[in-house]
Amino acid sequence: RFKDGYLAGAAGKMAMDAEDGGRLAIPVTKNKQKIIVDFSSPNIAKEMHVGHLRSTIIGDTLSNLLTFSGHDVLRLNHVGDWGTQFGMLVEHLRDEFPEALDKESSKNVDLGDLVMLYKAAKKR
C-alpha cells in the first residue's frame, strides 16, 4: 500500500516534469537497445477481420512504450507468406473459373468470390 506522502511527491514530480518536458518524471533508459517489434502478420489471401487488429494494436503499443523509454525501435508489420495461397488460388481459377483471370471479365469478380474460391482451392 502506498503512503500518501509518496503519492503526493510522485504526482508533484510528474506535474512539474509535464510542464518542462512531458516525460512525467519517467527517465530515459541508460541502456539503449535496438529492438525489433514484428506484428500483425495477417494472411493476405483471406479477408481481413477485427481479429487482425489485436496484434497490430499490441505491437504498436509495445513499440510506443519502448520508443518512449529511449530505445531505437524498428517496427515490422509483416503481412505473411502469400505465395502458396495465391498459387493454389490461381491454379483453381485456371481449372474452374478461367474468366476470373481474364482482364475484362475479371471485373465481375469481387473479394467475396475470391474468398469462396480460395476455400475451394484449399479442399483440392
N, C-alpha and C. Protein backbone atom coordinates (compact mmCIF):
# COMPACT_ATOMS: atom_id res chain seq x y z
N ARG A 1 0.84 -1.16 0.00
CA ARG A 1 0.00 0.00 0.00
C ARG A 1 0.90 1.24 0.00
N PHE A 2 0.59 2.19 -0.88
CA PHE A 2 1.38 3.42 -0.98
C PHE A 2 1.00 4.39 0.14
N LYS A 3 2.01 5.09 0.63
CA LYS A 3 1.76 6.13 1.64
C LYS A 3 1.39 7.43 0.92
N ASP A 4 0.55 8.23 1.56
CA ASP A 4 0.08 9.49 0.97
C ASP A 4 1.24 10.39 0.59
N GLY A 5 2.28 10.45 1.42
CA GLY A 5 3.43 11.31 1.13
C GLY A 5 4.15 10.89 -0.15
N TYR A 6 4.28 9.58 -0.34
CA TYR A 6 4.93 9.08 -1.56
C TYR A 6 4.11 9.45 -2.79
N LEU A 7 2.81 9.20 -2.71
CA LEU A 7 1.94 9.50 -3.85
C LEU A 7 1.93 10.99 -4.17
N ALA A 8 1.88 11.83 -3.13
CA ALA A 8 1.88 13.28 -3.35
C ALA A 8 3.19 13.73 -3.98
N GLY A 9 4.31 13.16 -3.51
CA GLY A 9 5.61 13.51 -4.08
C GLY A 9 5.74 13.08 -5.53
N ALA A 10 5.30 11.87 -5.83
CA ALA A 10 5.38 11.35 -7.20
C ALA A 10 4.49 12.16 -8.13
N ALA A 11 3.29 12.48 -7.68
CA ALA A 11 2.38 13.29 -8.50
C ALA A 11 2.95 14.68 -8.72
N GLY A 12 3.59 15.25 -7.70
CA GLY A 12 4.21 16.57 -7.83
C GLY A 12 5.33 16.57 -8.86
N LYS A 13 6.19 15.53 -8.82
CA LYS A 13 7.29 15.41 -9.79
C LYS A 13 6.73 15.27 -11.21
N MET A 14 5.70 14.47 -11.34
CA MET A 14 5.09 14.27 -12.66
C MET A 14 4.50 15.58 -13.19
N ALA A 15 3.85 16.33 -12.31
CA ALA A 15 3.24 17.60 -12.73
C ALA A 15 4.31 18.60 -13.15
N MET A 16 5.41 18.67 -12.39
CA MET A 16 6.49 19.61 -12.75
C MET A 16 7.14 19.21 -14.07
N ASP A 17 7.36 17.92 -14.24
CA ASP A 17 8.00 17.45 -15.47
C ASP A 17 7.09 17.61 -16.67
N ALA A 18 5.79 17.51 -16.48
CA ALA A 18 4.84 17.69 -17.58
C ALA A 18 4.95 19.09 -18.15
N GLU A 19 5.22 20.07 -17.29
CA GLU A 19 5.37 21.45 -17.75
C GLU A 19 6.69 21.65 -18.49
N ASP A 20 7.74 20.94 -18.06
CA ASP A 20 9.07 21.13 -18.63
C ASP A 20 9.32 20.31 -19.89
N GLY A 21 9.03 19.02 -19.85
CA GLY A 21 9.39 18.18 -20.99
C GLY A 21 8.37 17.14 -21.38
N GLY A 22 7.42 16.90 -20.53
CA GLY A 22 6.36 15.98 -20.88
C GLY A 22 6.65 14.51 -20.66
N ARG A 23 7.71 14.18 -19.89
CA ARG A 23 8.03 12.76 -19.66
C ARG A 23 7.40 12.24 -18.37
N LEU A 24 6.75 13.11 -17.62
CA LEU A 24 6.06 12.72 -16.38
C LEU A 24 7.00 12.04 -15.38
N ALA A 25 8.23 12.55 -15.30
CA ALA A 25 9.25 12.08 -14.36
C ALA A 25 9.71 10.65 -14.64
N ILE A 26 9.51 10.18 -15.85
CA ILE A 26 9.98 8.85 -16.24
C ILE A 26 11.29 9.05 -17.00
N PRO A 27 12.40 8.54 -16.46
CA PRO A 27 13.69 8.77 -17.12
C PRO A 27 13.86 7.94 -18.39
N VAL A 28 14.71 8.44 -19.28
CA VAL A 28 15.08 7.68 -20.48
C VAL A 28 16.05 6.59 -20.05
N THR A 29 15.96 5.42 -20.65
CA THR A 29 16.82 4.31 -20.28
C THR A 29 18.30 4.66 -20.43
N LYS A 30 19.11 4.10 -19.56
CA LYS A 30 20.57 4.28 -19.66
C LYS A 30 21.18 3.19 -20.52
N ASN A 31 20.40 2.15 -20.80
CA ASN A 31 20.88 1.01 -21.58
C ASN A 31 20.09 0.93 -22.88
N LYS A 32 20.31 1.89 -23.78
CA LYS A 32 19.56 1.95 -25.05
C LYS A 32 19.87 0.72 -25.90
N GLN A 33 18.81 0.12 -26.45
CA GLN A 33 18.96 -1.06 -27.28
C GLN A 33 18.20 -0.87 -28.59
N LYS A 34 18.63 -1.62 -29.61
CA LYS A 34 17.88 -1.67 -30.86
C LYS A 34 16.92 -2.85 -30.73
N ILE A 35 15.63 -2.56 -30.83
CA ILE A 35 14.60 -3.59 -30.62
C ILE A 35 13.72 -3.65 -31.87
N ILE A 36 13.47 -4.87 -32.35
CA ILE A 36 12.59 -5.08 -33.50
C ILE A 36 11.27 -5.65 -32.99
N VAL A 37 10.18 -5.00 -33.36
CA VAL A 37 8.85 -5.48 -32.99
C VAL A 37 8.14 -5.87 -34.29
N ASP A 38 7.89 -7.17 -34.46
CA ASP A 38 7.21 -7.70 -35.64
C ASP A 38 5.77 -7.99 -35.24
N PHE A 39 4.83 -7.34 -35.90
CA PHE A 39 3.44 -7.53 -35.50
C PHE A 39 2.51 -7.56 -36.69
N SER A 40 1.33 -8.00 -36.44
CA SER A 40 0.20 -8.12 -37.35
C SER A 40 0.20 -9.46 -38.05
N SER A 41 0.95 -9.64 -39.10
CA SER A 41 1.06 -10.89 -39.84
C SER A 41 -0.27 -11.48 -40.31
N PRO A 42 -1.15 -10.71 -40.92
CA PRO A 42 -2.38 -11.31 -41.44
C PRO A 42 -2.09 -12.14 -42.68
N ASN A 43 -2.94 -13.11 -42.94
CA ASN A 43 -2.86 -13.88 -44.18
C ASN A 43 -3.58 -13.06 -45.24
N ILE A 44 -2.82 -12.45 -46.15
CA ILE A 44 -3.43 -11.54 -47.11
C ILE A 44 -4.20 -12.27 -48.20
N ALA A 45 -4.20 -13.60 -48.17
CA ALA A 45 -5.01 -14.34 -49.12
C ALA A 45 -6.45 -14.48 -48.61
N LYS A 46 -6.70 -14.01 -47.40
CA LYS A 46 -8.04 -14.08 -46.83
C LYS A 46 -8.52 -12.68 -46.49
N GLU A 47 -9.82 -12.55 -46.26
CA GLU A 47 -10.38 -11.26 -45.89
C GLU A 47 -9.87 -10.85 -44.51
N MET A 48 -9.64 -9.53 -44.37
CA MET A 48 -9.25 -9.00 -43.07
C MET A 48 -10.49 -8.97 -42.16
N HIS A 49 -10.26 -9.11 -40.86
CA HIS A 49 -11.35 -9.01 -39.90
C HIS A 49 -10.83 -8.37 -38.62
N VAL A 50 -11.70 -8.12 -37.68
CA VAL A 50 -11.36 -7.39 -36.47
C VAL A 50 -10.28 -8.10 -35.66
N GLY A 51 -10.17 -9.41 -35.77
CA GLY A 51 -9.15 -10.15 -35.04
C GLY A 51 -7.73 -9.75 -35.42
N HIS A 52 -7.55 -9.26 -36.65
CA HIS A 52 -6.23 -8.83 -37.08
C HIS A 52 -5.80 -7.55 -36.36
N LEU A 53 -6.73 -6.80 -35.84
CA LEU A 53 -6.40 -5.55 -35.16
C LEU A 53 -5.69 -5.80 -33.83
N ARG A 54 -6.00 -6.90 -33.16
CA ARG A 54 -5.43 -7.17 -31.84
C ARG A 54 -3.91 -7.16 -31.88
N SER A 55 -3.32 -7.94 -32.78
CA SER A 55 -1.87 -8.00 -32.88
C SER A 55 -1.29 -6.65 -33.28
N THR A 56 -1.96 -5.94 -34.17
CA THR A 56 -1.48 -4.64 -34.62
C THR A 56 -1.49 -3.64 -33.47
N ILE A 57 -2.55 -3.62 -32.68
CA ILE A 57 -2.66 -2.69 -31.55
C ILE A 57 -1.62 -3.02 -30.48
N ILE A 58 -1.48 -4.30 -30.16
CA ILE A 58 -0.49 -4.70 -29.15
C ILE A 58 0.92 -4.35 -29.62
N GLY A 59 1.25 -4.67 -30.86
CA GLY A 59 2.58 -4.38 -31.39
C GLY A 59 2.87 -2.89 -31.43
N ASP A 60 1.90 -2.10 -31.85
CA ASP A 60 2.09 -0.65 -31.91
C ASP A 60 2.25 -0.07 -30.50
N THR A 61 1.47 -0.56 -29.55
CA THR A 61 1.56 -0.07 -28.17
C THR A 61 2.92 -0.40 -27.57
N LEU A 62 3.39 -1.64 -27.76
CA LEU A 62 4.72 -2.00 -27.25
C LEU A 62 5.81 -1.14 -27.90
N SER A 63 5.68 -0.90 -29.20
CA SER A 63 6.65 -0.05 -29.90
C SER A 63 6.67 1.36 -29.32
N ASN A 64 5.48 1.91 -29.06
CA ASN A 64 5.40 3.26 -28.48
C ASN A 64 6.04 3.32 -27.10
N LEU A 65 5.78 2.31 -26.26
CA LEU A 65 6.36 2.29 -24.92
C LEU A 65 7.88 2.18 -24.98
N LEU A 66 8.40 1.32 -25.85
CA LEU A 66 9.84 1.15 -25.97
C LEU A 66 10.51 2.41 -26.51
N THR A 67 9.86 3.06 -27.48
CA THR A 67 10.39 4.32 -28.02
C THR A 67 10.40 5.39 -26.94
N PHE A 68 9.32 5.50 -26.18
CA PHE A 68 9.24 6.47 -25.08
C PHE A 68 10.32 6.21 -24.05
N SER A 69 10.65 4.94 -23.83
CA SER A 69 11.69 4.58 -22.87
C SER A 69 13.09 4.92 -23.36
N GLY A 70 13.22 5.24 -24.65
CA GLY A 70 14.50 5.67 -25.20
C GLY A 70 15.18 4.66 -26.10
N HIS A 71 14.52 3.56 -26.38
CA HIS A 71 15.11 2.54 -27.24
C HIS A 71 14.93 2.91 -28.72
N ASP A 72 15.79 2.35 -29.55
CA ASP A 72 15.69 2.50 -31.00
C ASP A 72 14.83 1.35 -31.51
N VAL A 73 13.61 1.64 -31.92
CA VAL A 73 12.63 0.59 -32.26
C VAL A 73 12.40 0.54 -33.77
N LEU A 74 12.53 -0.65 -34.32
CA LEU A 74 12.19 -0.89 -35.73
C LEU A 74 10.87 -1.65 -35.73
N ARG A 75 9.85 -1.06 -36.34
CA ARG A 75 8.52 -1.68 -36.42
C ARG A 75 8.40 -2.43 -37.74
N LEU A 76 8.10 -3.71 -37.66
CA LEU A 76 7.87 -4.50 -38.86
C LEU A 76 6.43 -5.00 -38.85
N ASN A 77 5.68 -4.56 -39.82
CA ASN A 77 4.31 -5.02 -39.95
C ASN A 77 4.31 -6.07 -41.05
N HIS A 78 4.55 -7.29 -40.65
CA HIS A 78 4.72 -8.41 -41.56
C HIS A 78 3.37 -8.88 -42.09
N VAL A 79 3.26 -9.02 -43.41
CA VAL A 79 1.98 -9.46 -43.98
C VAL A 79 1.96 -10.94 -44.34
N GLY A 80 2.97 -11.66 -43.93
CA GLY A 80 2.94 -13.11 -44.09
C GLY A 80 3.35 -13.60 -45.47
N ASP A 81 3.45 -14.91 -45.58
CA ASP A 81 3.83 -15.57 -46.82
C ASP A 81 2.57 -15.89 -47.60
N TRP A 82 2.44 -15.31 -48.78
CA TRP A 82 1.20 -15.49 -49.54
C TRP A 82 1.41 -16.27 -50.83
N GLY A 83 2.62 -16.69 -51.11
CA GLY A 83 2.91 -17.38 -52.37
C GLY A 83 2.10 -18.65 -52.56
N THR A 84 2.08 -19.49 -51.56
CA THR A 84 1.36 -20.76 -51.66
C THR A 84 -0.14 -20.53 -51.85
N GLN A 85 -0.70 -19.62 -51.05
CA GLN A 85 -2.13 -19.38 -51.12
C GLN A 85 -2.55 -18.86 -52.49
N PHE A 86 -1.78 -17.90 -53.02
CA PHE A 86 -2.15 -17.36 -54.32
C PHE A 86 -1.87 -18.35 -55.45
N GLY A 87 -0.84 -19.16 -55.28
CA GLY A 87 -0.58 -20.21 -56.26
C GLY A 87 -1.73 -21.20 -56.34
N MET A 88 -2.23 -21.61 -55.17
CA MET A 88 -3.38 -22.52 -55.13
C MET A 88 -4.61 -21.86 -55.75
N LEU A 89 -4.82 -20.59 -55.45
CA LEU A 89 -5.98 -19.87 -55.97
C LEU A 89 -5.91 -19.76 -57.49
N VAL A 90 -4.75 -19.40 -58.02
CA VAL A 90 -4.60 -19.25 -59.48
C VAL A 90 -4.83 -20.58 -60.18
N GLU A 91 -4.27 -21.67 -59.64
CA GLU A 91 -4.49 -22.99 -60.25
C GLU A 91 -5.97 -23.38 -60.24
N HIS A 92 -6.63 -23.10 -59.15
CA HIS A 92 -8.06 -23.41 -59.06
C HIS A 92 -8.85 -22.56 -60.06
N LEU A 93 -8.50 -21.28 -60.16
CA LEU A 93 -9.18 -20.40 -61.11
C LEU A 93 -8.97 -20.87 -62.54
N ARG A 94 -7.76 -21.29 -62.87
CA ARG A 94 -7.49 -21.79 -64.24
C ARG A 94 -8.39 -22.97 -64.58
N ASP A 95 -8.59 -23.86 -63.59
CA ASP A 95 -9.39 -25.06 -63.83
C ASP A 95 -10.89 -24.80 -63.78
N GLU A 96 -11.35 -24.01 -62.82
CA GLU A 96 -12.77 -23.90 -62.53
C GLU A 96 -13.43 -22.59 -62.95
N PHE A 97 -12.67 -21.51 -63.04
CA PHE A 97 -13.26 -20.19 -63.25
C PHE A 97 -12.28 -19.32 -64.05
N PRO A 98 -11.90 -19.76 -65.26
CA PRO A 98 -10.86 -19.06 -66.03
C PRO A 98 -11.22 -17.62 -66.37
N GLU A 99 -12.51 -17.29 -66.44
CA GLU A 99 -12.87 -15.91 -66.75
C GLU A 99 -12.42 -14.93 -65.65
N ALA A 100 -12.16 -15.44 -64.45
CA ALA A 100 -11.66 -14.59 -63.37
C ALA A 100 -10.24 -14.11 -63.64
N LEU A 101 -9.51 -14.82 -64.52
CA LEU A 101 -8.14 -14.45 -64.84
C LEU A 101 -8.05 -13.57 -66.08
N ASP A 102 -9.17 -13.37 -66.75
CA ASP A 102 -9.21 -12.51 -67.94
C ASP A 102 -9.37 -11.06 -67.50
N LYS A 103 -8.61 -10.17 -68.13
CA LYS A 103 -8.61 -8.76 -67.72
C LYS A 103 -10.00 -8.13 -67.79
N GLU A 104 -10.76 -8.41 -68.82
CA GLU A 104 -12.09 -7.79 -68.98
C GLU A 104 -13.14 -8.44 -68.09
N SER A 105 -13.23 -9.76 -68.11
CA SER A 105 -14.30 -10.43 -67.36
C SER A 105 -14.01 -10.49 -65.86
N SER A 106 -12.77 -10.26 -65.46
CA SER A 106 -12.44 -10.32 -64.03
C SER A 106 -13.06 -9.17 -63.25
N LYS A 107 -13.55 -8.15 -63.95
CA LYS A 107 -14.19 -7.03 -63.27
C LYS A 107 -15.47 -7.46 -62.56
N ASN A 108 -16.01 -8.62 -62.94
CA ASN A 108 -17.23 -9.14 -62.34
C ASN A 108 -16.95 -9.98 -61.09
N VAL A 109 -15.68 -10.13 -60.71
CA VAL A 109 -15.31 -10.94 -59.55
C VAL A 109 -15.02 -9.99 -58.38
N ASP A 110 -15.68 -10.25 -57.24
CA ASP A 110 -15.38 -9.41 -56.07
C ASP A 110 -14.63 -10.22 -55.03
N LEU A 111 -14.21 -9.56 -53.97
CA LEU A 111 -13.40 -10.20 -52.95
C LEU A 111 -14.12 -11.39 -52.32
N GLY A 112 -15.40 -11.28 -52.11
CA GLY A 112 -16.16 -12.40 -51.55
C GLY A 112 -16.07 -13.65 -52.42
N ASP A 113 -16.08 -13.46 -53.75
CA ASP A 113 -15.92 -14.60 -54.66
C ASP A 113 -14.53 -15.22 -54.48
N LEU A 114 -13.51 -14.38 -54.33
CA LEU A 114 -12.16 -14.89 -54.18
C LEU A 114 -12.00 -15.68 -52.89
N VAL A 115 -12.64 -15.24 -51.83
CA VAL A 115 -12.58 -15.97 -50.57
C VAL A 115 -13.22 -17.35 -50.76
N MET A 116 -14.39 -17.39 -51.39
CA MET A 116 -15.07 -18.66 -51.65
C MET A 116 -14.18 -19.57 -52.52
N LEU A 117 -13.59 -18.98 -53.56
CA LEU A 117 -12.73 -19.77 -54.45
C LEU A 117 -11.47 -20.24 -53.75
N TYR A 118 -10.91 -19.41 -52.86
CA TYR A 118 -9.74 -19.79 -52.11
C TYR A 118 -10.05 -20.98 -51.21
N LYS A 119 -11.21 -20.96 -50.55
CA LYS A 119 -11.61 -22.07 -49.70
C LYS A 119 -11.78 -23.35 -50.52
N ALA A 120 -12.34 -23.21 -51.72
CA ALA A 120 -12.50 -24.38 -52.61
C ALA A 120 -11.13 -24.89 -53.05
N ALA A 121 -10.20 -23.98 -53.31
CA ALA A 121 -8.86 -24.38 -53.74
C ALA A 121 -8.15 -25.15 -52.64
N LYS A 122 -8.38 -24.78 -51.39
CA LYS A 122 -7.74 -25.47 -50.26
C LYS A 122 -8.23 -26.90 -50.14
N LYS A 123 -9.49 -27.16 -50.58
CA LYS A 123 -10.07 -28.50 -50.45
C LYS A 123 -9.51 -29.46 -51.48
N ARG A 124 -8.91 -28.93 -52.55
CA ARG A 124 -8.41 -29.78 -53.63
C ARG A 124 -7.29 -30.68 -53.20
